[in-house]
Amino acid sequence: MSIKKKLLKQLIDRVKEETALAEEAAQHAQSYKQDESMKQEGKYDTRSVEAGYLAGAQMRRVEELKLELQMLEEIPLHDFDEDDDIAIGALVSIKFKNQVRDYFVSSTAGGTIVEVDGNSILVISVFSPIGQAVIGLNVGNEFEVETPQETRAYEIVAVQ
């Protein structure tokens, strides 16, 4: 199994696990809301309303995770050549200050670090500054990213 397939499988497994936990929490919040002890006991008793807010928020989290899972499952995993434009699904090695780090370009799950075959790979979303900057570039291209402290210069050294 390729590095990218292993990485994507780990991401999908994580989101499936999170989804199961979120669904359980949502069910618990829903049953808590409907519990006999939640009946309003006075004019200012808002326990039931607050439990309803919690149940609604838990259900929204479940829907967000399901969307994230769908987005991960739709990531194309083909091999990139050095002259191919970087796109979602690329595993990119980027040099910054003489250190090379591997990044997986994704539509979601940005900021997640995945260990694959002893390598730490940072998942970057296409909505992140580095993710936005690398889309459409090739091996050998350099790019800059503005931070509050400085302008950082990067170089793309490899792509898979």
Foldseek 3Di string as FASTA:
>chain_A
DDQLVVQLVVVLVVLVVVLVVLVVQLVVLVVVLVDPVQPDPDPPRCSNVVSVVSSVVSVVVNVVSVVVSVQSVPFDADFDDQPDFDDQNKWWWKDFPNDTATEHEGQDPAQDWDATPNHTYGYHYCPDQVNVFRGGDGAQDKDWGDDPVGITIMGTHDMD
